[in-house]
Amino acid sequence: MIVGLLAAGMSPFDAACAGAWLHGATASEIGPGLIAEDISDTLPRVLDRLRSGRP
């Protein structure tokens, strides 16, 4: 995720912060038992919520 943000032009610090936040927000939505595949399945929902300004 962080490498993708870097490729999109973010600074290394901002990409690391955003990547860590997105990973954590996605994990919070999924809950215990998270596997890597869950992140890619849930991340679009987290991004939509972020874009719409919903908590």
Foldseek 3Di string as FASTA:
>chain_A
DLVVVVVVPDDSVVSVVVVVVLVVVQCVVVDPPDDPVSSVVRSVVVVVCVVVVHD
